[in-house]
Amino acid sequence: EMLQSEISPIVILDKKNSRAHDHISSLHTLGCMVPYTGLHHLLF
C-alpha cells in the first residue's frame, strides 16, 4: 500500500532469495519503488 500510495517512497524490502540480485544489492534487502510520475509511467 505504501509503495503505491501518493507518497510512493523507496521501500526497503527483504528479498525472497537473500543472494539474488547481488549486482544491485549485496545485502538481503532491496530498495524498491514504482513509477510515480507521468514520465515514469510512459517510460515503462
PDB file of all heavy atoms in Angstrom:
ATOM      1  N   GLU A   1       0.829  -1.205   0.000  1.00  0.00           N
ATOM      2  CA  GLU A   1       0.000   0.000   0.000  1.00  0.00           C
ATOM      3  C   GLU A   1       0.864   1.255   0.000  1.00  0.00           C
ATOM      4  O   GLU A   1       0.574   2.220  -0.716  1.00  0.00           O
ATOM      5  CB  GLU A   1      -0.935   0.000   1.212  1.00  0.00           C
ATOM      6  CG  GLU A   1      -2.127  -0.939   1.087  1.00  0.00           C
ATOM      7  CD  GLU A   1      -3.157  -0.724   2.172  1.00  0.00           C
ATOM      8  OE1 GLU A   1      -2.778  -0.238   3.265  1.00  0.00           O
ATOM      9  OE2 GLU A   1      -4.338  -1.037   1.935  1.00  0.00           O
ATOM     10  N   MET A   2       1.922   1.247   0.815  1.00  0.00           N
ATOM     11  CA  MET A   2       2.815   2.406   0.867  1.00  0.00           C
ATOM     12  C   MET A   2       3.521   2.601  -0.461  1.00  0.00           C
ATOM     13  O   MET A   2       3.669   3.724  -0.952  1.00  0.00           O
ATOM     14  CB  MET A   2       3.831   2.223   2.000  1.00  0.00           C
ATOM     15  CG  MET A   2       4.886   3.328   2.083  1.00  0.00           C
ATOM     16  SD  MET A   2       4.208   5.000   2.278  1.00  0.00           S
ATOM     17  CE  MET A   2       3.688   4.926   3.994  1.00  0.00           C
ATOM     18  N   LEU A   3       3.949   1.519  -1.068  1.00  0.00           N
ATOM     19  CA  LEU A   3       4.645   1.560  -2.349  1.00  0.00           C
ATOM     20  C   LEU A   3       3.813   2.278  -3.402  1.00  0.00           C
ATOM     21  O   LEU A   3       4.342   3.037  -4.220  1.00  0.00           O
ATOM     22  CB  LEU A   3       4.959   0.132  -2.787  1.00  0.00           C
ATOM     23  CG  LEU A   3       6.017  -0.107  -3.856  1.00  0.00           C
ATOM     24  CD1 LEU A   3       7.398   0.252  -3.323  1.00  0.00           C
ATOM     25  CD2 LEU A   3       5.996  -1.561  -4.297  1.00  0.00           C
ATOM     26  N   GLN A   4       2.497   2.045  -3.378  1.00  0.00           N
ATOM     27  CA  GLN A   4       1.599   2.591  -4.398  1.00  0.00           C
ATOM     28  C   GLN A   4       0.845   3.830  -3.934  1.00  0.00           C
ATOM     29  O   GLN A   4      -0.021   4.319  -4.648  1.00  0.00           O
ATOM     30  CB  GLN A   4       0.572   1.518  -4.804  1.00  0.00           C
ATOM     31  CG  GLN A   4       1.195   0.264  -5.379  1.00  0.00           C
ATOM     32  CD  GLN A   4       0.147  -0.763  -5.711  1.00  0.00           C
ATOM     33  OE1 GLN A   4      -0.276  -0.906  -6.853  1.00  0.00           O
ATOM     34  NE2 GLN A   4      -0.297  -1.501  -4.710  1.00  0.00           N
ATOM     35  N   SER A   5       1.176   4.335  -2.763  1.00  0.00           N
ATOM     36  CA  SER A   5       0.471   5.488  -2.213  1.00  0.00           C
ATOM     37  C   SER A   5       0.873   6.766  -2.933  1.00  0.00           C
ATOM     38  O   SER A   5       1.755   6.768  -3.801  1.00  0.00           O
ATOM     39  CB  SER A   5       0.786   5.627  -0.725  1.00  0.00           C
ATOM     40  OG  SER A   5       2.138   6.023  -0.552  1.00  0.00           O
ATOM     41  N   GLU A   6       0.243   7.877  -2.547  1.00  0.00           N
ATOM     42  CA  GLU A   6       0.605   9.164  -3.137  1.00  0.00           C
ATOM     43  C   GLU A   6       2.040   9.561  -2.766  1.00  0.00           C
ATOM     44  O   GLU A   6       2.656  10.386  -3.430  1.00  0.00           O
ATOM     45  CB  GLU A   6      -0.373  10.263  -2.694  1.00  0.00           C
ATOM     46  CG  GLU A   6      -0.320  10.650  -1.231  1.00  0.00           C
ATOM     47  CD  GLU A   6      -1.166   9.748  -0.346  1.00  0.00           C
ATOM     48  OE1 GLU A   6      -1.709   8.746  -0.860  1.00  0.00           O
ATOM     49  OE2 GLU A   6      -1.294  10.048   0.853  1.00  0.00           O
ATOM     50  N   ILE A   7       2.587   8.952  -1.702  1.00  0.00           N
ATOM     51  CA  ILE A   7       3.978   9.228  -1.312  1.00  0.00           C
ATOM     52  C   ILE A   7       4.941   8.484  -2.221  1.00  0.00           C
ATOM     53  O   ILE A   7       5.968   9.022  -2.630  1.00  0.00           O
ATOM     54  CB  ILE A   7       4.207   8.839   0.162  1.00  0.00           C
ATOM     55  CG1 ILE A   7       3.307   9.679   1.067  1.00  0.00           C
ATOM     56  CG2 ILE A   7       5.673   8.999   0.558  1.00  0.00           C
ATOM     57  CD1 ILE A   7       3.258   9.205   2.502  1.00  0.00           C
ATOM     58  N   SER A   8       4.630   7.234  -2.529  1.00  0.00           N
ATOM     59  CA  SER A   8       5.455   6.392  -3.414  1.00  0.00           C
ATOM     60  C   SER A   8       6.944   6.456  -3.079  1.00  0.00           C
ATOM     61  O   SER A   8       7.767   6.815  -3.928  1.00  0.00           O
ATOM     62  CB  SER A   8       5.239   6.783  -4.881  1.00  0.00           C
ATOM     63  OG  SER A   8       3.964   6.411  -5.317  1.00  0.00           O
ATOM     64  N   PRO A   9       7.311   6.111  -1.858  1.00  0.00           N
ATOM     65  CA  PRO A   9       8.729   6.167  -1.496  1.00  0.00           C
ATOM     66  C   PRO A   9       9.492   4.955  -1.993  1.00  0.00           C
ATOM     67  O   PRO A   9       8.914   4.013  -2.551  1.00  0.00           O
ATOM     68  CB  PRO A   9       8.666   6.153   0.039  1.00  0.00           C
ATOM     69  CG  PRO A   9       7.478   5.270   0.321  1.00  0.00           C
ATOM     70  CD  PRO A   9       6.476   5.584  -0.769  1.00  0.00           C
ATOM     71  N   ILE A  10      10.785   4.975  -1.783  1.00  0.00           N
ATOM     72  CA  ILE A  10      11.584   3.756  -1.887  1.00  0.00           C
ATOM     73  C   ILE A  10      11.300   2.942  -0.627  1.00  0.00           C
ATOM     74  O   ILE A  10      11.424   3.447   0.482  1.00  0.00           O
ATOM     75  CB  ILE A  10      13.086   4.077  -1.981  1.00  0.00           C
ATOM     76  CG1 ILE A  10      13.392   4.873  -3.252  1.00  0.00           C
ATOM     77  CG2 ILE A  10      13.919   2.798  -1.930  1.00  0.00           C
ATOM     78  CD1 ILE A  10      14.811   5.434  -3.299  1.00  0.00           C
ATOM     79  N   VAL A  11      10.900   1.695  -0.803  1.00  0.00           N
ATOM     80  CA  VAL A  11      10.618   0.813   0.333  1.00  0.00           C
ATOM     81  C   VAL A  11      11.697  -0.265   0.368  1.00  0.00           C
ATOM     82  O   VAL A  11      11.907  -0.971  -0.624  1.00  0.00           O
ATOM     83  CB  VAL A  11       9.219   0.180   0.219  1.00  0.00           C
ATOM     84  CG1 VAL A  11       8.935  -0.704   1.434  1.00  0.00           C
ATOM     85  CG2 VAL A  11       8.146   1.267   0.108  1.00  0.00           C
ATOM     86  N   ILE A  12      12.391  -0.371   1.488  1.00  0.00           N
ATOM     87  CA  ILE A  12      13.421  -1.385   1.650  1.00  0.00           C
ATOM     88  C   ILE A  12      12.743  -2.706   2.013  1.00  0.00           C
ATOM     89  O   ILE A  12      12.075  -2.810   3.043  1.00  0.00           O
ATOM     90  CB  ILE A  12      14.439  -1.005   2.741  1.00  0.00           C
ATOM     91  CG1 ILE A  12      15.001   0.398   2.490  1.00  0.00           C
ATOM     92  CG2 ILE A  12      15.554  -2.041   2.820  1.00  0.00           C
ATOM     93  CD1 ILE A  12      15.775   0.543   1.219  1.00  0.00           C
ATOM     94  N   LEU A  13      12.906  -3.707   1.167  1.00  0.00           N
ATOM     95  CA  LEU A  13      12.205  -4.978   1.319  1.00  0.00           C
ATOM     96  C   LEU A  13      13.189  -6.133   1.411  1.00  0.00           C
ATOM     97  O   LEU A  13      14.256  -6.107   0.796  1.00  0.00           O
ATOM     98  CB  LEU A  13      11.269  -5.204   0.121  1.00  0.00           C
ATOM     99  CG  LEU A  13      10.186  -4.148  -0.107  1.00  0.00           C
ATOM    100  CD1 LEU A  13       9.564  -4.319  -1.489  1.00  0.00           C
ATOM    101  CD2 LEU A  13       9.117  -4.237   0.971  1.00  0.00           C
ATOM    102  N   ASP A  14      12.826  -7.147   2.182  1.00  0.00           N
ATOM    103  CA  ASP A  14      13.637  -8.367   2.230  1.00  0.00           C
ATOM    104  C   ASP A  14      13.456  -9.145   0.929  1.00  0.00           C
ATOM    105  O   ASP A  14      12.329  -9.317   0.443  1.00  0.00           O
ATOM    106  CB  ASP A  14      13.205  -9.250   3.408  1.00  0.00           C
ATOM    107  CG  ASP A  14      13.574  -8.655   4.749  1.00  0.00           C
ATOM    108  OD1 ASP A  14      14.383  -7.710   4.783  1.00  0.00           O
ATOM    109  OD2 ASP A  14      13.044  -9.140   5.771  1.00  0.00           O
ATOM    110  N   LYS A  15      14.562  -9.612   0.367  1.00  0.00           N
ATOM    111  CA  LYS A  15      14.490 -10.456  -0.817  1.00  0.00           C
ATOM    112  C   LYS A  15      13.937 -11.831  -0.443  1.00  0.00           C
ATOM    113  O   LYS A  15      14.150 -12.315   0.672  1.00  0.00           O
ATOM    114  CB  LYS A  15      15.880 -10.653  -1.417  1.00  0.00           C
ATOM    115  CG  LYS A  15      16.619  -9.402  -1.831  1.00  0.00           C
ATOM    116  CD  LYS A  15      18.048  -9.769  -2.250  1.00  0.00           C
ATOM    117  CE  LYS A  15      18.902  -8.577  -2.558  1.00  0.00           C
ATOM    118  NZ  LYS A  15      20.319  -8.941  -2.803  1.00  0.00           N
ATOM    119  N   LYS A  16      13.242 -12.464  -1.366  1.00  0.00           N
ATOM    120  CA  LYS A  16      12.828 -13.853  -1.145  1.00  0.00           C
ATOM    121  C   LYS A  16      14.048 -14.774  -1.140  1.00  0.00           C
ATOM    122  O   LYS A  16      14.114 -15.728  -0.368  1.00  0.00           O
ATOM    123  CB  LYS A  16      11.824 -14.281  -2.219  1.00  0.00           C
ATOM    124  CG  LYS A  16      10.439 -13.686  -2.007  1.00  0.00           C
ATOM    125  CD  LYS A  16       9.447 -14.195  -3.033  1.00  0.00           C
ATOM    126  CE  LYS A  16       8.053 -13.647  -2.747  1.00  0.00           C
ATOM    127  NZ  LYS A  16       7.065 -14.059  -3.782  1.00  0.00           N
ATOM    128  N   ASN A  17      14.990 -14.475  -2.001  1.00  0.00           N
ATOM    129  CA  ASN A  17      16.276 -15.174  -2.017  1.00  0.00           C
ATOM    130  C   ASN A  17      17.331 -14.142  -1.649  1.00  0.00           C
ATOM    131  O   ASN A  17      17.620 -13.236  -2.428  1.00  0.00           O
ATOM    132  CB  ASN A  17      16.543 -15.775  -3.389  1.00  0.00           C
ATOM    133  CG  ASN A  17      17.900 -16.448  -3.491  1.00  0.00           C
ATOM    134  OD1 ASN A  17      18.714 -16.376  -2.569  1.00  0.00           O
ATOM    135  ND2 ASN A  17      18.162 -17.089  -4.619  1.00  0.00           N
ATOM    136  N   SER A  18      17.901 -14.260  -0.451  1.00  0.00           N
ATOM    137  CA  SER A  18      18.795 -13.217   0.059  1.00  0.00           C
ATOM    138  C   SER A  18      20.025 -13.006  -0.814  1.00  0.00           C
ATOM    139  O   SER A  18      20.660 -11.960  -0.746  1.00  0.00           O
ATOM    140  CB  SER A  18      19.223 -13.551   1.489  1.00  0.00           C
ATOM    141  OG  SER A  18      19.944 -14.767   1.532  1.00  0.00           O
ATOM    142  N   ARG A  19      20.355 -13.998  -1.650  1.00  0.00           N
ATOM    143  CA  ARG A  19      21.536 -13.866  -2.504  1.00  0.00           C
ATOM    144  C   ARG A  19      21.196 -13.400  -3.921  1.00  0.00           C
ATOM    145  O   ARG A  19      22.097 -13.199  -4.745  1.00  0.00           O
ATOM    146  CB  ARG A  19      22.271 -15.208  -2.581  1.00  0.00           C
ATOM    147  CG  ARG A  19      22.834 -15.663  -1.237  1.00  0.00           C
ATOM    148  CD  ARG A  19      23.630 -16.941  -1.378  1.00  0.00           C
ATOM    149  NE  ARG A  19      24.194 -17.390  -0.114  1.00  0.00           N
ATOM    150  CZ  ARG A  19      24.953 -18.465   0.028  1.00  0.00           C
ATOM    151  NH1 ARG A  19      25.233 -19.222  -1.034  1.00  0.00           N
ATOM    152  NH2 ARG A  19      25.430 -18.799   1.213  1.00  0.00           N
ATOM    153  N   ALA A  20      19.934 -13.235  -4.191  1.00  0.00           N
ATOM    154  CA  ALA A  20      19.516 -12.814  -5.540  1.00  0.00           C
ATOM    155  C   ALA A  20      19.855 -11.347  -5.780  1.00  0.00           C
ATOM    156  O   ALA A  20      19.962 -10.548  -4.841  1.00  0.00           O
ATOM    157  CB  ALA A  20      18.019 -13.042  -5.711  1.00  0.00           C
ATOM    158  N   HIS A  21      20.038 -11.009  -7.044  1.00  0.00           N
ATOM    159  CA  HIS A  21      20.238  -9.628  -7.479  1.00  0.00           C
ATOM    160  C   HIS A  21      21.406  -8.961  -6.765  1.00  0.00           C
ATOM    161  O   HIS A  21      21.353  -7.773  -6.412  1.00  0.00           O
ATOM    162  CB  HIS A  21      18.952  -8.814  -7.287  1.00  0.00           C
ATOM    163  CG  HIS A  21      17.725  -9.491  -7.828  1.00  0.00           C
ATOM    164  ND1 HIS A  21      17.551  -9.760  -9.169  1.00  0.00           N
ATOM    165  CD2 HIS A  21      16.620  -9.994  -7.190  1.00  0.00           C
ATOM    166  CE1 HIS A  21      16.395 -10.384  -9.342  1.00  0.00           C
ATOM    167  NE2 HIS A  21      15.819 -10.541  -8.166  1.00  0.00           N
ATOM    168  N   ASP A  22      22.484  -9.730  -6.568  1.00  0.00           N
ATOM    169  CA  ASP A  22      23.663  -9.194  -5.895  1.00  0.00           C
ATOM    170  C   ASP A  22      24.296  -8.041  -6.667  1.00  0.00           C
ATOM    171  O   ASP A  22      25.008  -7.220  -6.085  1.00  0.00           O
ATOM    172  CB  ASP A  22      24.708 -10.297  -5.687  1.00  0.00           C
ATOM    173  CG  ASP A  22      24.420 -11.140  -4.459  1.00  0.00           C
ATOM    174  OD1 ASP A  22      23.404 -10.861  -3.790  1.00  0.00           O
ATOM    175  OD2 ASP A  22      25.181 -12.072  -4.169  1.00  0.00           O
ATOM    176  N   HIS A  23      24.065  -8.003  -7.979  1.00  0.00           N
ATOM    177  CA  HIS A  23      24.625  -6.909  -8.767  1.00  0.00           C
ATOM    178  C   HIS A  23      23.951  -5.578  -8.435  1.00  0.00           C
ATOM    179  O   HIS A  23      24.506  -4.513  -8.723  1.00  0.00           O
ATOM    180  CB  HIS A  23      24.492  -7.202 -10.263  1.00  0.00           C
ATOM    181  CG  HIS A  23      23.074  -7.406 -10.721  1.00  0.00           C
ATOM    182  ND1 HIS A  23      22.311  -8.484 -10.337  1.00  0.00           N
ATOM    183  CD2 HIS A  23      22.286  -6.652 -11.530  1.00  0.00           C
ATOM    184  CE1 HIS A  23      21.117  -8.399 -10.893  1.00  0.00           C
ATOM    185  NE2 HIS A  23      21.073  -7.307 -11.617  1.00  0.00           N
ATOM    186  N   ILE A  24      22.764  -5.638  -7.830  1.00  0.00           N
ATOM    187  CA  ILE A  24      22.058  -4.428  -7.400  1.00  0.00           C
ATOM    188  C   ILE A  24      22.351  -4.156  -5.932  1.00  0.00           C
ATOM    189  O   ILE A  24      22.682  -3.046  -5.534  1.00  0.00           O
ATOM    190  CB  ILE A  24      20.532  -4.569  -7.592  1.00  0.00           C
ATOM    191  CG1 ILE A  24      20.202  -4.913  -9.040  1.00  0.00           C
ATOM    192  CG2 ILE A  24      19.824  -3.275  -7.175  1.00  0.00           C
ATOM    193  CD1 ILE A  24      18.739  -5.265  -9.244  1.00  0.00           C
ATOM    194  N   SER A  25      22.204  -5.183  -5.109  1.00  0.00           N
ATOM    195  CA  SER A  25      22.420  -5.065  -3.669  1.00  0.00           C
ATOM    196  C   SER A  25      22.985  -6.371  -3.141  1.00  0.00           C
ATOM    197  O   SER A  25      22.373  -7.428  -3.315  1.00  0.00           O
ATOM    198  CB  SER A  25      21.096  -4.742  -2.957  1.00  0.00           C
ATOM    199  OG  SER A  25      21.222  -4.893  -1.559  1.00  0.00           O
ATOM    200  N   SER A  26      24.138  -6.292  -2.481  1.00  0.00           N
ATOM    201  CA  SER A  26      24.736  -7.483  -1.879  1.00  0.00           C
ATOM    202  C   SER A  26      24.130  -7.779  -0.512  1.00  0.00           C
ATOM    203  O   SER A  26      24.493  -8.760   0.130  1.00  0.00           O
ATOM    204  CB  SER A  26      26.249  -7.298  -1.744  1.00  0.00           C
ATOM    205  OG  SER A  26      26.538  -6.197  -0.893  1.00  0.00           O
ATOM    206  N   LEU A  27      23.223  -6.922  -0.053  1.00  0.00           N
ATOM    207  CA  LEU A  27      22.525  -7.136   1.213  1.00  0.00           C
ATOM    208  C   LEU A  27      21.348  -8.078   0.999  1.00  0.00           C
ATOM    209  O   LEU A  27      21.020  -8.444  -0.132  1.00  0.00           O
ATOM    210  CB  LEU A  27      22.041  -5.803   1.779  1.00  0.00           C
ATOM    211  CG  LEU A  27      23.105  -4.702   1.952  1.00  0.00           C
ATOM    212  CD1 LEU A  27      22.446  -3.420   2.440  1.00  0.00           C
ATOM    213  CD2 LEU A  27      24.194  -5.148   2.911  1.00  0.00           C
ATOM    214  N   HIS A  28      20.667  -8.437   2.090  1.00  0.00           N
ATOM    215  CA  HIS A  28      19.484  -9.296   1.981  1.00  0.00           C
ATOM    216  C   HIS A  28      18.237  -8.487   1.647  1.00  0.00           C
ATOM    217  O   HIS A  28      17.141  -9.029   1.578  1.00  0.00           O
ATOM    218  CB  HIS A  28      19.271 -10.065   3.288  1.00  0.00           C
ATOM    219  CG  HIS A  28      18.835  -9.202   4.441  1.00  0.00           C
ATOM    220  ND1 HIS A  28      19.687  -8.325   5.080  1.00  0.00           N
ATOM    221  CD2 HIS A  28      17.639  -9.070   5.062  1.00  0.00           C
ATOM    222  CE1 HIS A  28      19.041  -7.704   6.040  1.00  0.00           C
ATOM    223  NE2 HIS A  28      17.797  -8.130   6.051  1.00  0.00           N
ATOM    224  N   THR A  29      18.429  -7.193   1.446  1.00  0.00           N
ATOM    225  CA  THR A  29      17.312  -6.292   1.160  1.00  0.00           C
ATOM    226  C   THR A  29      17.483  -5.638  -0.206  1.00  0.00           C
ATOM    227  O   THR A  29      18.579  -5.609  -0.773  1.00  0.00           O
ATOM    228  CB  THR A  29      17.214  -5.195   2.235  1.00  0.00           C
ATOM    229  OG1 THR A  29      18.472  -4.485   2.282  1.00  0.00           O
ATOM    230  CG2 THR A  29      16.903  -5.788   3.593  1.00  0.00           C
ATOM    231  N   LEU A  30      16.369  -5.091  -0.686  1.00  0.00           N
ATOM    232  CA  LEU A  30      16.339  -4.418  -1.977  1.00  0.00           C
ATOM    233  C   LEU A  30      15.455  -3.178  -1.843  1.00  0.00           C
ATOM    234  O   LEU A  30      14.321  -3.265  -1.354  1.00  0.00           O
ATOM    235  CB  LEU A  30      15.765  -5.362  -3.030  1.00  0.00           C
ATOM    236  CG  LEU A  30      15.992  -5.064  -4.509  1.00  0.00           C
ATOM    237  CD1 LEU A  30      17.482  -5.018  -4.844  1.00  0.00           C
ATOM    238  CD2 LEU A  30      15.300  -6.121  -5.366  1.00  0.00           C
ATOM    239  N   GLY A  31      15.986  -2.021  -2.241  1.00  0.00           N
ATOM    240  CA  GLY A  31      15.199  -0.782  -2.210  1.00  0.00           C
ATOM    241  C   GLY A  31      14.376  -0.650  -3.471  1.00  0.00           C
ATOM    242  O   GLY A  31      14.934  -0.529  -4.571  1.00  0.00           O
ATOM    243  N   CYS A  32      13.051  -0.661  -3.327  1.00  0.00           N
ATOM    244  CA  CYS A  32      12.153  -0.687  -4.495  1.00  0.00           C
ATOM    245  C   CYS A  32      11.187   0.489  -4.486  1.00  0.00           C
ATOM    246  O   CYS A  32      10.680   0.890  -3.430  1.00  0.00           O
ATOM    247  CB  CYS A  32      11.340  -1.978  -4.504  1.00  0.00           C
ATOM    248  SG  CYS A  32      12.312  -3.489  -4.542  1.00  0.00           S
ATOM    249  N   MET A  33      10.902   1.015  -5.652  1.00  0.00           N
ATOM    250  CA  MET A  33       9.810   1.967  -5.840  1.00  0.00           C
ATOM    251  C   MET A  33       9.140   1.677  -7.169  1.00  0.00           C
ATOM    252  O   MET A  33       9.707   1.000  -8.035  1.00  0.00           O
ATOM    253  CB  MET A  33      10.302   3.411  -5.772  1.00  0.00           C
ATOM    254  CG  MET A  33      11.379   3.779  -6.770  1.00  0.00           C
ATOM    255  SD  MET A  33      11.888   5.516  -6.603  1.00  0.00           S
ATOM    256  CE  MET A  33      13.481   5.497  -7.439  1.00  0.00           C
ATOM    257  N   VAL A  34       7.917   2.168  -7.292  1.00  0.00           N
ATOM    258  CA  VAL A  34       7.169   2.004  -8.542  1.00  0.00           C
ATOM    259  C   VAL A  34       7.153   3.339  -9.278  1.00  0.00           C
ATOM    260  O   VAL A  34       7.456   4.385  -8.692  1.00  0.00           O
ATOM    261  CB  VAL A  34       5.723   1.523  -8.261  1.00  0.00           C
ATOM    262  CG1 VAL A  34       5.717   0.140  -7.633  1.00  0.00           C
ATOM    263  CG2 VAL A  34       4.976   2.520  -7.375  1.00  0.00           C
ATOM    264  N   PRO A  35       6.836   3.347 -10.574  1.00  0.00           N
ATOM    265  CA  PRO A  35       6.716   4.620 -11.293  1.00  0.00           C
ATOM    266  C   PRO A  35       5.749   5.558 -10.570  1.00  0.00           C
ATOM    267  O   PRO A  35       4.650   5.139 -10.192  1.00  0.00           O
ATOM    268  CB  PRO A  35       6.174   4.192 -12.659  1.00  0.00           C
ATOM    269  CG  PRO A  35       6.646   2.783 -12.829  1.00  0.00           C
ATOM    270  CD  PRO A  35       6.600   2.184 -11.461  1.00  0.00           C
ATOM    271  N   TYR A  36       6.173   6.825 -10.365  1.00  0.00           N
ATOM    272  CA  TYR A  36       5.309   7.746  -9.610  1.00  0.00           C
ATOM    273  C   TYR A  36       5.043   9.066 -10.339  1.00  0.00           C
ATOM    274  O   TYR A  36       4.349   9.932  -9.805  1.00  0.00           O
ATOM    275  CB  TYR A  36       5.883   8.010  -8.217  1.00  0.00           C
ATOM    276  CG  TYR A  36       7.263   8.632  -8.177  1.00  0.00           C
ATOM    277  CD1 TYR A  36       7.430  10.017  -8.320  1.00  0.00           C
ATOM    278  CD2 TYR A  36       8.396   7.863  -7.958  1.00  0.00           C
ATOM    279  CE1 TYR A  36       8.682  10.598  -8.262  1.00  0.00           C
ATOM    280  CE2 TYR A  36       9.656   8.427  -7.898  1.00  0.00           C
ATOM    281  CZ  TYR A  36       9.795   9.806  -8.048  1.00  0.00           C
ATOM    282  OH  TYR A  36      11.047  10.377  -7.990  1.00  0.00           O
ATOM    283  N   THR A  37       5.585   9.231 -11.529  1.00  0.00           N
ATOM    284  CA  THR A  37       5.260  10.404 -12.339  1.00  0.00           C
ATOM    285  C   THR A  37       4.782   9.949 -13.710  1.00  0.00           C
ATOM    286  O   THR A  37       5.002   8.802 -14.115  1.00  0.00           O
ATOM    287  CB  THR A  37       6.480  11.327 -12.535  1.00  0.00           C
ATOM    288  OG1 THR A  37       7.428  10.670 -13.397  1.00  0.00           O
ATOM    289  CG2 THR A  37       7.147  11.669 -11.216  1.00  0.00           C
ATOM    290  N   GLY A  38       4.172  10.875 -14.427  1.00  0.00           N
ATOM    291  CA  GLY A  38       3.746  10.556 -15.780  1.00  0.00           C
ATOM    292  C   GLY A  38       4.900  10.117 -16.647  1.00  0.00           C
ATOM    293  O   GLY A  38       4.771   9.187 -17.458  1.00  0.00           O
ATOM    294  N   LEU A  39       6.048  10.761 -16.477  1.00  0.00           N
ATOM    295  CA  LEU A  39       7.228  10.392 -17.258  1.00  0.00           C
ATOM    296  C   LEU A  39       7.619   8.938 -16.986  1.00  0.00           C
ATOM    297  O   LEU A  39       7.901   8.181 -17.916  1.00  0.00           O
ATOM    298  CB  LEU A  39       8.381  11.340 -16.917  1.00  0.00           C
ATOM    299  CG  LEU A  39       9.648  11.279 -17.786  1.00  0.00           C
ATOM    300  CD1 LEU A  39      10.395  12.604 -17.722  1.00  0.00           C
ATOM    301  CD2 LEU A  39      10.578  10.160 -17.350  1.00  0.00           C
ATOM    302  N   HIS A  40       7.616   8.552 -15.701  1.00  0.00           N
ATOM    303  CA  HIS A  40       7.980   7.164 -15.354  1.00  0.00           C
ATOM    304  C   HIS A  40       7.000   6.161 -15.967  1.00  0.00           C
ATOM    305  O   HIS A  40       7.410   5.119 -16.503  1.00  0.00           O
ATOM    306  CB  HIS A  40       7.992   6.985 -13.839  1.00  0.00           C
ATOM    307  CG  HIS A  40       9.009   7.826 -13.131  1.00  0.00           C
ATOM    308  ND1 HIS A  40       8.793   8.361 -11.879  1.00  0.00           N
ATOM    309  CD2 HIS A  40      10.245   8.223 -13.500  1.00  0.00           C
ATOM    310  CE1 HIS A  40       9.860   9.042 -11.508  1.00  0.00           C
ATOM    311  NE2 HIS A  40      10.751   8.980 -12.472  1.00  0.00           N
ATOM    312  N   HIS A  41       5.712   6.456 -15.859  1.00  0.00           N
ATOM    313  CA  HIS A  41       4.702   5.542 -16.411  1.00  0.00           C
ATOM    314  C   HIS A  41       4.874   5.386 -17.920  1.00  0.00           C
ATOM    315  O   HIS A  41       4.778   4.267 -18.454  1.00  0.00           O
ATOM    316  CB  HIS A  41       3.293   6.056 -16.088  1.00  0.00           C
ATOM    317  CG  HIS A  41       2.891   5.874 -14.654  1.00  0.00           C
ATOM    318  ND1 HIS A  41       2.539   4.647 -14.135  1.00  0.00           N
ATOM    319  CD2 HIS A  41       2.783   6.767 -13.638  1.00  0.00           C
ATOM    320  CE1 HIS A  41       2.226   4.794 -12.848  1.00  0.00           C
ATOM    321  NE2 HIS A  41       2.366   6.061 -12.531  1.00  0.00           N
ATOM    322  N   LEU A  42       5.136   6.496 -18.593  1.00  0.00           N
ATOM    323  CA  LEU A  42       5.331   6.435 -20.037  1.00  0.00           C
ATOM    324  C   LEU A  42       6.616   5.682 -20.392  1.00  0.00           C
ATOM    325  O   LEU A  42       6.646   4.891 -21.345  1.00  0.00           O
ATOM    326  CB  LEU A  42       5.377   7.853 -20.610  1.00  0.00           C
ATOM    327  CG  LEU A  42       4.027   8.572 -20.661  1.00  0.00           C
ATOM    328  CD1 LEU A  42       4.227  10.074 -20.857  1.00  0.00           C
ATOM    329  CD2 LEU A  42       3.153   7.999 -21.772  1.00  0.00           C
ATOM    330  N   LEU A  43       7.665   5.904 -19.613  1.00  0.00           N
ATOM    331  CA  LEU A  43       8.933   5.219 -19.866  1.00  0.00           C
ATOM    332  C   LEU A  43       8.763   3.707 -19.748  1.00  0.00           C
ATOM    333  O   LEU A  43       9.211   2.946 -20.613  1.00  0.00           O
ATOM    334  CB  LEU A  43       9.986   5.719 -18.870  1.00  0.00           C
ATOM    335  CG  LEU A  43      11.412   5.186 -19.030  1.00  0.00           C
ATOM    336  CD1 LEU A  43      11.984   5.538 -20.395  1.00  0.00           C
ATOM    337  CD2 LEU A  43      12.303   5.745 -17.917  1.00  0.00           C
ATOM    338  N   PHE A  44       8.072   3.262 -18.697  1.00  0.00           N
ATOM    339  CA  PHE A  44       7.883   1.825 -18.500  1.00  0.00           C
ATOM    340  C   PHE A  44       6.935   1.226 -19.535  1.00  0.00           C
ATOM    341  O   PHE A  44       6.998   0.021 -19.801  1.00  0.00           O
ATOM    342  CB  PHE A  44       7.395   1.542 -17.078  1.00  0.00           C
ATOM    343  CG  PHE A  44       8.520   1.311 -16.107  1.00  0.00           C
ATOM    344  CD1 PHE A  44       9.245   2.387 -15.602  1.00  0.00           C
ATOM    345  CD2 PHE A  44       8.895   0.036 -15.725  1.00  0.00           C
ATOM    346  CE1 PHE A  44      10.295   2.196 -14.734  1.00  0.00           C
ATOM    347  CE2 PHE A  44       9.946  -0.172 -14.857  1.00  0.00           C
ATOM    348  CZ  PHE A  44      10.656   0.908 -14.352  1.00  0.00           C
TER     349      PHE A  44
END
